[in-house]
Amino acid sequence: MKFRYPVLLILAIVFLQSLHSGCRLPSAELSPEEMDIVDTLYNSRLPELRLELDSLCKLQKDEIISRKTDSLIELQLTEIRKLVERQ
């Protein structure tokens, strides 16, 4: 693809990059007390989060296996077609 106005393209990229970099929040460091609070909250919710993630994985497992199986079958069929075409 050939651009008619490469300078305009470069300016657009620079402009979009400046918009993206301006959207970042300033980073803030947490005090040791705040870190303890975060750790406590995380550790108290961890078993609950694990159960939720496990249930989501179980729900999606069959679909994922089916999709992967279909793609493997399609790959094998493509290879078989290529071999048949060579003969």
C-alpha atoms as a PDB file:
ATOM      1  CA  MET A   1       0.000   0.000   0.000  1.00  0.00           C
ATOM      2  CA  LYS A   2       1.453   3.356  -1.061  1.00  0.00           C
ATOM      3  CA  PHE A   3       0.537   6.561   0.727  1.00  0.00           C
ATOM      4  CA  ARG A   4       0.227   9.793  -1.227  1.00  0.00           C
ATOM      5  CA  TYR A   5       0.999  11.974   1.748  1.00  0.00           C
ATOM      6  CA  PRO A   6       3.668  10.292   3.932  1.00  0.00           C
ATOM      7  CA  VAL A   7       4.244  13.472   5.958  1.00  0.00           C
ATOM      8  CA  LEU A   8       0.547  13.605   6.858  1.00  0.00           C
ATOM      9  CA  LEU A   9       0.683   9.954   7.902  1.00  0.00           C
ATOM     10  CA  ILE A  10       3.693  10.597  10.146  1.00  0.00           C
ATOM     11  CA  LEU A  11       1.990  13.625  11.719  1.00  0.00           C
ATOM     12  CA  ALA A  12      -1.159  11.590  12.354  1.00  0.00           C
ATOM     13  CA  ILE A  13       0.856   8.832  14.047  1.00  0.00           C
ATOM     14  CA  VAL A  14       2.702  11.351  16.230  1.00  0.00           C
ATOM     15  CA  PHE A  15      -0.608  13.027  17.151  1.00  0.00           C
ATOM     16  CA  LEU A  16      -2.276   9.733  18.070  1.00  0.00           C
ATOM     17  CA  GLN A  17       0.750   8.687  20.116  1.00  0.00           C
ATOM     18  CA  SER A  18       0.662  11.954  22.044  1.00  0.00           C
ATOM     19  CA  LEU A  19      -3.029  11.427  22.814  1.00  0.00           C
ATOM     20  CA  HIS A  20      -2.320   7.938  24.077  1.00  0.00           C
ATOM     21  CA  SER A  21       0.564   9.021  26.307  1.00  0.00           C
ATOM     22  CA  GLY A  22      -1.503  11.853  27.786  1.00  0.00           C
ATOM     23  CA  CYS A  23      -4.165   9.442  29.062  1.00  0.00           C
ATOM     24  CA  ARG A  24      -1.933   7.773  31.609  1.00  0.00           C
ATOM     25  CA  LEU A  25      -2.504   8.392  35.285  1.00  0.00           C
ATOM     26  CA  PRO A  26       0.452   9.407  37.392  1.00  0.00           C
ATOM     27  CA  SER A  27       1.858   6.449  39.253  1.00  0.00           C
ATOM     28  CA  ALA A  28       1.513   6.493  43.010  1.00  0.00           C
ATOM     29  CA  GLU A  29       3.506   4.444  45.448  1.00  0.00           C
ATOM     30  CA  LEU A  30       1.714   2.804  48.317  1.00  0.00           C
ATOM     31  CA  SER A  31       2.795   3.144  51.897  1.00  0.00           C
ATOM     32  CA  PRO A  32       3.617  -0.021  53.853  1.00  0.00           C
ATOM     33  CA  GLU A  33       0.259   0.246  55.655  1.00  0.00           C
ATOM     34  CA  GLU A  34      -1.574   0.489  52.320  1.00  0.00           C
ATOM     35  CA  MET A  35       0.367  -2.489  50.992  1.00  0.00           C
ATOM     36  CA  ASP A  36      -0.708  -4.494  54.057  1.00  0.00           C
ATOM     37  CA  ILE A  37      -4.345  -3.553  53.412  1.00  0.00           C
ATOM     38  CA  VAL A  38      -4.070  -4.573  49.750  1.00  0.00           C
ATOM     39  CA  ASP A  39      -2.413  -7.873  50.691  1.00  0.00           C
ATOM     40  CA  THR A  40      -5.073  -8.590  53.312  1.00  0.00           C
ATOM     41  CA  LEU A  41      -7.910  -7.863  50.878  1.00  0.00           C
ATOM     42  CA  TYR A  42      -6.311  -9.956  48.157  1.00  0.00           C
ATOM     43  CA  ASN A  43      -5.655 -12.910  50.451  1.00  0.00           C
ATOM     44  CA  SER A  44      -9.181 -12.789  51.869  1.00  0.00           C
ATOM     45  CA  ARG A  45     -10.753 -12.832  48.380  1.00  0.00           C
ATOM     46  CA  LEU A  46      -8.361 -15.341  46.804  1.00  0.00           C
ATOM     47  CA  PRO A  47     -10.362 -18.518  47.593  1.00  0.00           C
ATOM     48  CA  GLU A  48     -13.506 -16.877  46.229  1.00  0.00           C
ATOM     49  CA  LEU A  49     -11.681 -15.794  43.063  1.00  0.00           C
ATOM     50  CA  ARG A  50     -10.239 -19.268  42.551  1.00  0.00           C
ATOM     51  CA  LEU A  51     -13.690 -20.832  42.742  1.00  0.00           C
ATOM     52  CA  GLU A  52     -15.048 -18.346  40.237  1.00  0.00           C
ATOM     53  CA  LEU A  53     -12.177 -18.861  37.813  1.00  0.00           C
ATOM     54  CA  ASP A  54     -12.476 -22.643  38.118  1.00  0.00           C
ATOM     55  CA  SER A  55     -16.181 -22.516  37.323  1.00  0.00           C
ATOM     56  CA  LEU A  56     -15.513 -20.289  34.292  1.00  0.00           C
ATOM     57  CA  CYS A  57     -12.880 -22.722  33.047  1.00  0.00           C
ATOM     58  CA  LYS A  58     -15.245 -25.645  33.442  1.00  0.00           C
ATOM     59  CA  LEU A  59     -17.944 -23.802  31.502  1.00  0.00           C
ATOM     60  CA  GLN A  60     -15.610 -22.994  28.617  1.00  0.00           C
ATOM     61  CA  LYS A  61     -13.668 -26.268  28.530  1.00  0.00           C
ATOM     62  CA  ASP A  62     -15.962 -28.143  26.146  1.00  0.00           C
ATOM     63  CA  GLU A  63     -16.161 -25.229  23.729  1.00  0.00           C
ATOM     64  CA  ILE A  64     -12.395 -24.748  23.695  1.00  0.00           C
ATOM     65  CA  ILE A  65     -11.747 -28.461  23.151  1.00  0.00           C
ATOM     66  CA  SER A  66     -14.286 -28.519  20.324  1.00  0.00           C
ATOM     67  CA  ARG A  67     -12.700 -25.507  18.612  1.00  0.00           C
ATOM     68  CA  LYS A  68      -9.184 -26.914  18.915  1.00  0.00           C
ATOM     69  CA  THR A  69     -10.309 -30.321  17.665  1.00  0.00           C
ATOM     70  CA  ASP A  70     -12.012 -28.723  14.670  1.00  0.00           C
ATOM     71  CA  SER A  71      -8.891 -26.770  13.806  1.00  0.00           C
ATOM     72  CA  LEU A  72      -6.725 -29.898  14.053  1.00  0.00           C
ATOM     73  CA  ILE A  73      -9.100 -31.831  11.819  1.00  0.00           C
ATOM     74  CA  GLU A  74      -9.103 -28.990   9.295  1.00  0.00           C
ATOM     75  CA  LEU A  75      -5.306 -28.904   9.334  1.00  0.00           C
ATOM     76  CA  GLN A  76      -5.117 -32.657   8.707  1.00  0.00           C
ATOM     77  CA  LEU A  77      -7.666 -32.435   5.890  1.00  0.00           C
ATOM     78  CA  THR A  78      -5.632 -29.663   4.270  1.00  0.00           C
ATOM     79  CA  GLU A  79      -2.500 -31.799   4.457  1.00  0.00           C
ATOM     80  CA  ILE A  80      -4.371 -34.772   2.961  1.00  0.00           C
ATOM     81  CA  ARG A  81      -5.668 -32.590   0.091  1.00  0.00           C
ATOM     82  CA  LYS A  82      -2.141 -31.405  -0.639  1.00  0.00           C
ATOM     83  CA  LEU A  83      -0.873 -34.973  -0.740  1.00  0.00           C
ATOM     84  CA  VAL A  84      -3.702 -36.052  -3.050  1.00  0.00           C
ATOM     85  CA  GLU A  85      -3.044 -33.099  -5.400  1.00  0.00           C
ATOM     86  CA  ARG A  86       0.634 -34.103  -5.727  1.00  0.00           C
ATOM     87  CA  GLN A  87      -0.239 -37.541  -7.040  1.00  0.00           C
END
